[in-house]
Each structure stands twice: as C-alpha cells, then as structure tokens.
Amino acid sequence: MSRAELLAGGAIGCAHAGGNEHNMQLLSDARSARAYRDELDALREKAIRVDKLESEVGRYKERLHDIEFYKARVEDRDMDRKRIEELLEENLSLEVAQKQSMDESLHLGWELEQLSKTPELTEVPQKSLGHEVNELTSSRLLKLEKENQALLRSLEELKGGAEPAEEATAADGE
C-alpha cells in the first residue's frame, strides 16, 4: 500500500470515528430533549391542577362569606325573637297588674260605698276619701294602659322588622 492509500484509509477511519462520536452526541441530545419534554409536560399538568385548586379555593371562600352572612342574620333573628318573647312576658305581667288594679279599684269603690252607708261618718271625709281613691286608681290605671300601649307598639315594630328578614331568608333558601 502506498502512503497515500494509508493516509486516505486513516482519514476515512478518523472520519468514521468522528462520525460515531457525532452520532453518540446527537443520541445523547435527543435523550435529553425527551427528558426535558417529559418534565415540561409534567409541569404543565401540575400548573393546570394548581389553577383548578386555586379556583376551588376561591369558590370555598365565597361560600364561607355566604355562611357568615347567613349566620349573622340567624343570630339577629334569634335576638329579635328573644326580645319579642321578653316584651310578650312584660305585656302579660302588665295586663295582670292592670287587672289587679281594676279589681282593687272595684273593691275600694265597694268599701267606699259601704262607708257612705254608715251614718256615723260625716259627709266631708267620705267625699275626700272617695275622691282620693278615684284619683289614685285612675292615675295608676292610665299609667298602666300607656305602658301597655307602648309595649304593644314595640312588639309590633319588632314583629314587622322580623317578618321581612324571615321572608328574605325563606326566599334565599328556595
């Protein structure tokens, strides 16, 4: 073999060896690209899942706000009901007191009538006593009636305020 042939063969061998290295590098680069692509796909899936979870968290926050709003409305309504019950009890006790006062007034009127039938008492003290009893009874009765009317107005106002809240709650629940 001539020297030229040997050199040409060596060059081909070198070229062939260099091509092998180049192919190995391309193969390694292709594997790396596939690995990066797989990692990118996994990251995209995670990002989509994060978006869905953030959306779900937003919905839960809105629900929590709604729950707190309705809780406050229920507490207000409970307070209104308790106040109405208190007013009803107070109204009932005032009615009982009014009835007792009326009964006492009738009894005092009867006693006054009995005293007026007794001849040993003079006319002046009887009229004075009767007048005083009537004034006291009328004053007490008037005071109780005014207080009763004020309580009834308060009760009606509370009932009026509670009914729209209950209707709104019923409409929201439907």
C-alpha atoms as a PDB file:
ATOM      1  CA  MET A   1       0.000   0.000   0.000  1.00  0.00           C
ATOM      2  CA  SER A   2       1.178   3.354  -0.798  1.00  0.00           C
ATOM      3  CA  ARG A   3       1.497   6.030   1.618  1.00  0.00           C
ATOM      4  CA  ALA A   4      -1.389   7.926   0.059  1.00  0.00           C
ATOM      5  CA  GLU A   5      -3.634   4.942   0.426  1.00  0.00           C
ATOM      6  CA  LEU A   6      -2.652   4.539   4.031  1.00  0.00           C
ATOM      7  CA  LEU A   7      -3.274   8.195   4.692  1.00  0.00           C
ATOM      8  CA  ALA A   8      -6.627   8.050   2.924  1.00  0.00           C
ATOM      9  CA  GLY A   9      -7.573   4.948   4.905  1.00  0.00           C
ATOM     10  CA  GLY A  10      -6.536   6.660   8.123  1.00  0.00           C
ATOM     11  CA  ALA A  11      -8.555   9.712   7.233  1.00  0.00           C
ATOM     12  CA  ILE A  12     -11.568   7.576   6.494  1.00  0.00           C
ATOM     13  CA  GLY A  13     -11.051   5.765   9.776  1.00  0.00           C
ATOM     14  CA  CYS A  14     -10.790   9.071  11.575  1.00  0.00           C
ATOM     15  CA  ALA A  15     -13.813  10.392   9.773  1.00  0.00           C
ATOM     16  CA  HIS A  16     -15.687   7.245  10.626  1.00  0.00           C
ATOM     17  CA  ALA A  17     -14.586   7.510  14.259  1.00  0.00           C
ATOM     18  CA  GLY A  18     -15.560  11.220  14.324  1.00  0.00           C
ATOM     19  CA  GLY A  19     -18.972  10.358  12.878  1.00  0.00           C
ATOM     20  CA  ASN A  20     -19.540   7.837  15.628  1.00  0.00           C
ATOM     21  CA  GLU A  21     -18.837  10.482  18.258  1.00  0.00           C
ATOM     22  CA  HIS A  22     -21.162  12.887  16.495  1.00  0.00           C
ATOM     23  CA  ASN A  23     -23.938  10.257  16.375  1.00  0.00           C
ATOM     24  CA  MET A  24     -23.441   9.492  20.061  1.00  0.00           C
ATOM     25  CA  GLN A  25     -23.689  13.210  20.855  1.00  0.00           C
ATOM     26  CA  LEU A  26     -26.910  13.504  18.797  1.00  0.00           C
ATOM     27  CA  LEU A  27     -28.346  10.449  20.530  1.00  0.00           C
ATOM     28  CA  SER A  28     -27.482  11.925  23.948  1.00  0.00           C
ATOM     29  CA  ASP A  29     -29.010  15.285  22.951  1.00  0.00           C
ATOM     30  CA  ALA A  30     -32.185  13.529  21.760  1.00  0.00           C
ATOM     31  CA  ARG A  31     -32.497  11.668  25.067  1.00  0.00           C
ATOM     32  CA  SER A  32     -32.005  14.919  26.994  1.00  0.00           C
ATOM     33  CA  ALA A  33     -34.626  16.657  24.821  1.00  0.00           C
ATOM     34  CA  ARG A  34     -37.113  13.831  25.505  1.00  0.00           C
ATOM     35  CA  ALA A  35     -36.427  14.045  29.241  1.00  0.00           C
ATOM     36  CA  TYR A  36     -36.941  17.850  29.163  1.00  0.00           C
ATOM     37  CA  ARG A  37     -40.136  17.452  27.147  1.00  0.00           C
ATOM     38  CA  ASP A  38     -41.462  14.875  29.657  1.00  0.00           C
ATOM     39  CA  GLU A  39     -40.566  17.170  32.553  1.00  0.00           C
ATOM     40  CA  LEU A  40     -42.265  20.096  30.775  1.00  0.00           C
ATOM     41  CA  ASP A  41     -45.425  18.026  30.261  1.00  0.00           C
ATOM     42  CA  ALA A  42     -45.443  17.070  33.951  1.00  0.00           C
ATOM     43  CA  LEU A  43     -45.021  20.738  34.937  1.00  0.00           C
ATOM     44  CA  ARG A  44     -47.872  21.764  32.614  1.00  0.00           C
ATOM     45  CA  GLU A  45     -50.157  19.182  34.257  1.00  0.00           C
ATOM     46  CA  LYS A  46     -49.172  20.468  37.705  1.00  0.00           C
ATOM     47  CA  ALA A  47     -49.857  24.064  36.623  1.00  0.00           C
ATOM     48  CA  ILE A  48     -53.322  23.062  35.359  1.00  0.00           C
ATOM     49  CA  ARG A  49     -54.005  21.308  38.663  1.00  0.00           C
ATOM     50  CA  VAL A  50     -52.824  24.371  40.617  1.00  0.00           C
ATOM     51  CA  ASP A  51     -55.194  26.597  38.590  1.00  0.00           C
ATOM     52  CA  LYS A  52     -58.104  24.249  39.325  1.00  0.00           C
ATOM     53  CA  LEU A  53     -57.259  24.179  43.037  1.00  0.00           C
ATOM     54  CA  GLU A  54     -56.979  27.989  43.186  1.00  0.00           C
ATOM     55  CA  SER A  55     -60.379  28.250  41.522  1.00  0.00           C
ATOM     56  CA  GLU A  56     -61.828  25.803  44.038  1.00  0.00           C
ATOM     57  CA  VAL A  57     -60.319  27.776  46.935  1.00  0.00           C
ATOM     58  CA  GLY A  58     -61.986  30.918  45.555  1.00  0.00           C
ATOM     59  CA  ARG A  59     -65.364  29.177  45.479  1.00  0.00           C
ATOM     60  CA  TYR A  60     -64.899  27.964  49.054  1.00  0.00           C
ATOM     61  CA  LYS A  61     -64.030  31.491  50.190  1.00  0.00           C
ATOM     62  CA  GLU A  62     -67.268  32.769  48.620  1.00  0.00           C
ATOM     63  CA  ARG A  63     -69.230  30.015  50.341  1.00  0.00           C
ATOM     64  CA  LEU A  64     -67.608  30.848  53.661  1.00  0.00           C
ATOM     65  CA  HIS A  65     -68.580  34.502  53.218  1.00  0.00           C
ATOM     66  CA  ASP A  66     -72.175  33.467  52.457  1.00  0.00           C
ATOM     67  CA  ILE A  67     -72.253  31.204  55.503  1.00  0.00           C
ATOM     68  CA  GLU A  68     -71.011  34.009  57.752  1.00  0.00           C
ATOM     69  CA  PHE A  69     -73.645  36.364  56.310  1.00  0.00           C
ATOM     70  CA  TYR A  70     -76.480  33.907  56.950  1.00  0.00           C
ATOM     71  CA  LYS A  71     -75.128  33.083  60.394  1.00  0.00           C
ATOM     72  CA  ALA A  72     -75.289  36.780  61.316  1.00  0.00           C
ATOM     73  CA  ARG A  73     -78.864  37.004  60.000  1.00  0.00           C
ATOM     74  CA  VAL A  74     -79.916  33.972  62.041  1.00  0.00           C
ATOM     75  CA  GLU A  75     -78.297  35.440  65.170  1.00  0.00           C
ATOM     76  CA  ASP A  76     -80.131  38.743  64.573  1.00  0.00           C
ATOM     77  CA  ARG A  77     -83.415  36.926  64.126  1.00  0.00           C
ATOM     78  CA  ASP A  78     -82.806  34.942  67.321  1.00  0.00           C
ATOM     79  CA  MET A  79     -82.142  38.174  69.208  1.00  0.00           C
ATOM     80  CA  ASP A  80     -85.358  39.669  67.773  1.00  0.00           C
ATOM     81  CA  ARG A  81     -87.330  36.596  68.856  1.00  0.00           C
ATOM     82  CA  LYS A  82     -85.896  36.765  72.366  1.00  0.00           C
ATOM     83  CA  ARG A  83     -86.799  40.459  72.569  1.00  0.00           C
ATOM     84  CA  ILE A  84     -90.336  39.707  71.352  1.00  0.00           C
ATOM     85  CA  GLU A  85     -90.674  36.987  73.999  1.00  0.00           C
ATOM     86  CA  GLU A  86     -89.451  39.399  76.681  1.00  0.00           C
ATOM     87  CA  LEU A  87     -91.947  42.033  75.529  1.00  0.00           C
ATOM     88  CA  LEU A  88     -94.768  39.488  75.491  1.00  0.00           C
ATOM     89  CA  GLU A  89     -93.920  38.427  79.042  1.00  0.00           C
ATOM     90  CA  GLU A  90     -93.728  42.044  80.167  1.00  0.00           C
ATOM     91  CA  ASN A  91     -97.020  42.791  78.419  1.00  0.00           C
ATOM     92  CA  LEU A  92     -98.640  39.831  80.150  1.00  0.00           C
ATOM     93  CA  SER A  93     -97.391  40.957  83.559  1.00  0.00           C
ATOM     94  CA  LEU A  94     -98.697  44.472  82.858  1.00  0.00           C
ATOM     95  CA  GLU A  95    -102.083  43.069  81.911  1.00  0.00           C
ATOM     96  CA  VAL A  96    -102.150  41.089  85.165  1.00  0.00           C
ATOM     97  CA  ALA A  97    -101.156  44.210  87.111  1.00  0.00           C
ATOM     98  CA  GLN A  98    -103.838  46.188  85.285  1.00  0.00           C
ATOM     99  CA  LYS A  99    -106.461  43.588  86.169  1.00  0.00           C
ATOM    100  CA  GLN A 100    -105.335  43.581  89.805  1.00  0.00           C
ATOM    101  CA  SER A 101    -105.516  47.358  89.838  1.00  0.00           C
ATOM    102  CA  MET A 102    -109.020  47.277  88.386  1.00  0.00           C
ATOM    103  CA  ASP A 103    -110.062  44.664  90.955  1.00  0.00           C
ATOM    104  CA  GLU A 104    -108.534  46.755  93.734  1.00  0.00           C
ATOM    105  CA  SER A 105    -110.316  49.815  92.409  1.00  0.00           C
ATOM    106  CA  LEU A 106    -113.646  47.967  92.377  1.00  0.00           C
ATOM    107  CA  HIS A 107    -113.035  46.730  95.898  1.00  0.00           C
ATOM    108  CA  LEU A 108    -112.137  50.214  97.109  1.00  0.00           C
ATOM    109  CA  GLY A 109    -115.258  51.527  95.397  1.00  0.00           C
ATOM    110  CA  TRP A 110    -117.309  48.912  97.203  1.00  0.00           C
ATOM    111  CA  GLU A 111    -115.662  49.806 100.528  1.00  0.00           C
ATOM    112  CA  LEU A 112    -116.354  53.469  99.845  1.00  0.00           C
ATOM    113  CA  GLU A 113    -119.965  52.672  99.132  1.00  0.00           C
ATOM    114  CA  GLN A 114    -120.182  50.698 102.368  1.00  0.00           C
ATOM    115  CA  LEU A 115    -118.666  53.598 104.278  1.00  0.00           C
ATOM    116  CA  SER A 116    -121.079  56.041 102.738  1.00  0.00           C
ATOM    117  CA  LYS A 117    -123.957  53.901 104.011  1.00  0.00           C
ATOM    118  CA  THR A 118    -122.657  54.129 107.570  1.00  0.00           C
ATOM    119  CA  PRO A 119    -124.335  57.084 109.342  1.00  0.00           C
ATOM    120  CA  GLU A 120    -121.655  57.782 111.969  1.00  0.00           C
ATOM    121  CA  LEU A 121    -119.180  59.267 109.453  1.00  0.00           C
ATOM    122  CA  THR A 122    -119.582  62.812 108.280  1.00  0.00           C
ATOM    123  CA  GLU A 123    -120.027  63.713 104.633  1.00  0.00           C
ATOM    124  CA  VAL A 124    -116.820  65.730 104.167  1.00  0.00           C
ATOM    125  CA  PRO A 125    -114.267  62.969 104.892  1.00  0.00           C
ATOM    126  CA  GLN A 126    -116.228  60.460 102.788  1.00  0.00           C
ATOM    127  CA  LYS A 127    -116.124  62.657  99.709  1.00  0.00           C
ATOM    128  CA  SER A 128    -112.466  63.384 100.271  1.00  0.00           C
ATOM    129  CA  LEU A 129    -111.620  59.687 100.653  1.00  0.00           C
ATOM    130  CA  GLY A 130    -113.715  58.706  97.616  1.00  0.00           C
ATOM    131  CA  HIS A 131    -112.168  61.436  95.519  1.00  0.00           C
ATOM    132  CA  GLU A 132    -108.646  60.419  96.569  1.00  0.00           C
ATOM    133  CA  VAL A 133    -109.295  56.720  95.820  1.00  0.00           C
ATOM    134  CA  ASN A 134    -110.704  57.560  92.393  1.00  0.00           C
ATOM    135  CA  GLU A 135    -107.733  59.789  91.557  1.00  0.00           C
ATOM    136  CA  LEU A 136    -105.167  57.206  92.637  1.00  0.00           C
ATOM    137  CA  THR A 137    -106.921  54.411  90.794  1.00  0.00           C
ATOM    138  CA  SER A 138    -107.418  56.437  87.643  1.00  0.00           C
ATOM    139  CA  SER A 139    -103.811  57.610  87.684  1.00  0.00           C
ATOM    140  CA  ARG A 140    -102.442  54.109  88.145  1.00  0.00           C
ATOM    141  CA  LEU A 141    -104.781  52.682  85.507  1.00  0.00           C
ATOM    142  CA  LEU A 142    -103.840  55.390  83.000  1.00  0.00           C
ATOM    143  CA  LYS A 143    -100.128  54.783  83.617  1.00  0.00           C
ATOM    144  CA  LEU A 144    -100.512  51.033  83.101  1.00  0.00           C
ATOM    145  CA  GLU A 145    -102.560  51.498  79.936  1.00  0.00           C
ATOM    146  CA  LYS A 146     -99.935  53.849  78.459  1.00  0.00           C
ATOM    147  CA  GLU A 147     -97.147  51.439  79.295  1.00  0.00           C
ATOM    148  CA  ASN A 148     -99.146  48.572  77.796  1.00  0.00           C
ATOM    149  CA  GLN A 149     -99.721  50.521  74.568  1.00  0.00           C
ATOM    150  CA  ALA A 150     -96.025  51.404  74.318  1.00  0.00           C
ATOM    151  CA  LEU A 151     -95.096  47.751  74.728  1.00  0.00           C
ATOM    152  CA  LEU A 152     -97.630  46.701  72.114  1.00  0.00           C
ATOM    153  CA  ARG A 153     -96.159  49.245  69.665  1.00  0.00           C
ATOM    154  CA  SER A 154     -92.647  47.961  70.355  1.00  0.00           C
ATOM    155  CA  LEU A 155     -93.855  44.421  69.847  1.00  0.00           C
ATOM    156  CA  GLU A 156     -95.493  45.286  66.544  1.00  0.00           C
ATOM    157  CA  GLU A 157     -92.348  47.090  65.369  1.00  0.00           C
ATOM    158  CA  LEU A 158     -90.203  44.084  66.227  1.00  0.00           C
ATOM    159  CA  LYS A 159     -92.651  41.727  64.537  1.00  0.00           C
ATOM    160  CA  GLY A 160     -92.663  43.978  61.481  1.00  0.00           C
ATOM    161  CA  GLY A 161     -88.854  44.003  61.398  1.00  0.00           C
ATOM    162  CA  ALA A 162     -88.573  40.238  61.906  1.00  0.00           C
ATOM    163  CA  GLU A 163     -91.101  39.271  59.207  1.00  0.00           C
ATOM    164  CA  PRO A 164     -89.206  40.784  56.216  1.00  0.00           C
ATOM    165  CA  ALA A 165     -85.988  39.131  57.442  1.00  0.00           C
ATOM    166  CA  GLU A 166     -87.768  35.758  57.657  1.00  0.00           C
ATOM    167  CA  GLU A 167     -89.320  36.220  54.222  1.00  0.00           C
ATOM    168  CA  ALA A 168     -85.921  37.118  52.749  1.00  0.00           C
ATOM    169  CA  THR A 169     -84.346  34.086  54.391  1.00  0.00           C
ATOM    170  CA  ALA A 170     -87.120  31.859  53.052  1.00  0.00           C
ATOM    171  CA  ALA A 171     -86.671  33.317  49.555  1.00  0.00           C
ATOM    172  CA  ASP A 172     -82.883  32.809  49.737  1.00  0.00           C
ATOM    173  CA  GLY A 173     -83.331  29.196  50.777  1.00  0.00           C
ATOM    174  CA  GLU A 174     -85.604  28.362  47.835  1.00  0.00           C
END
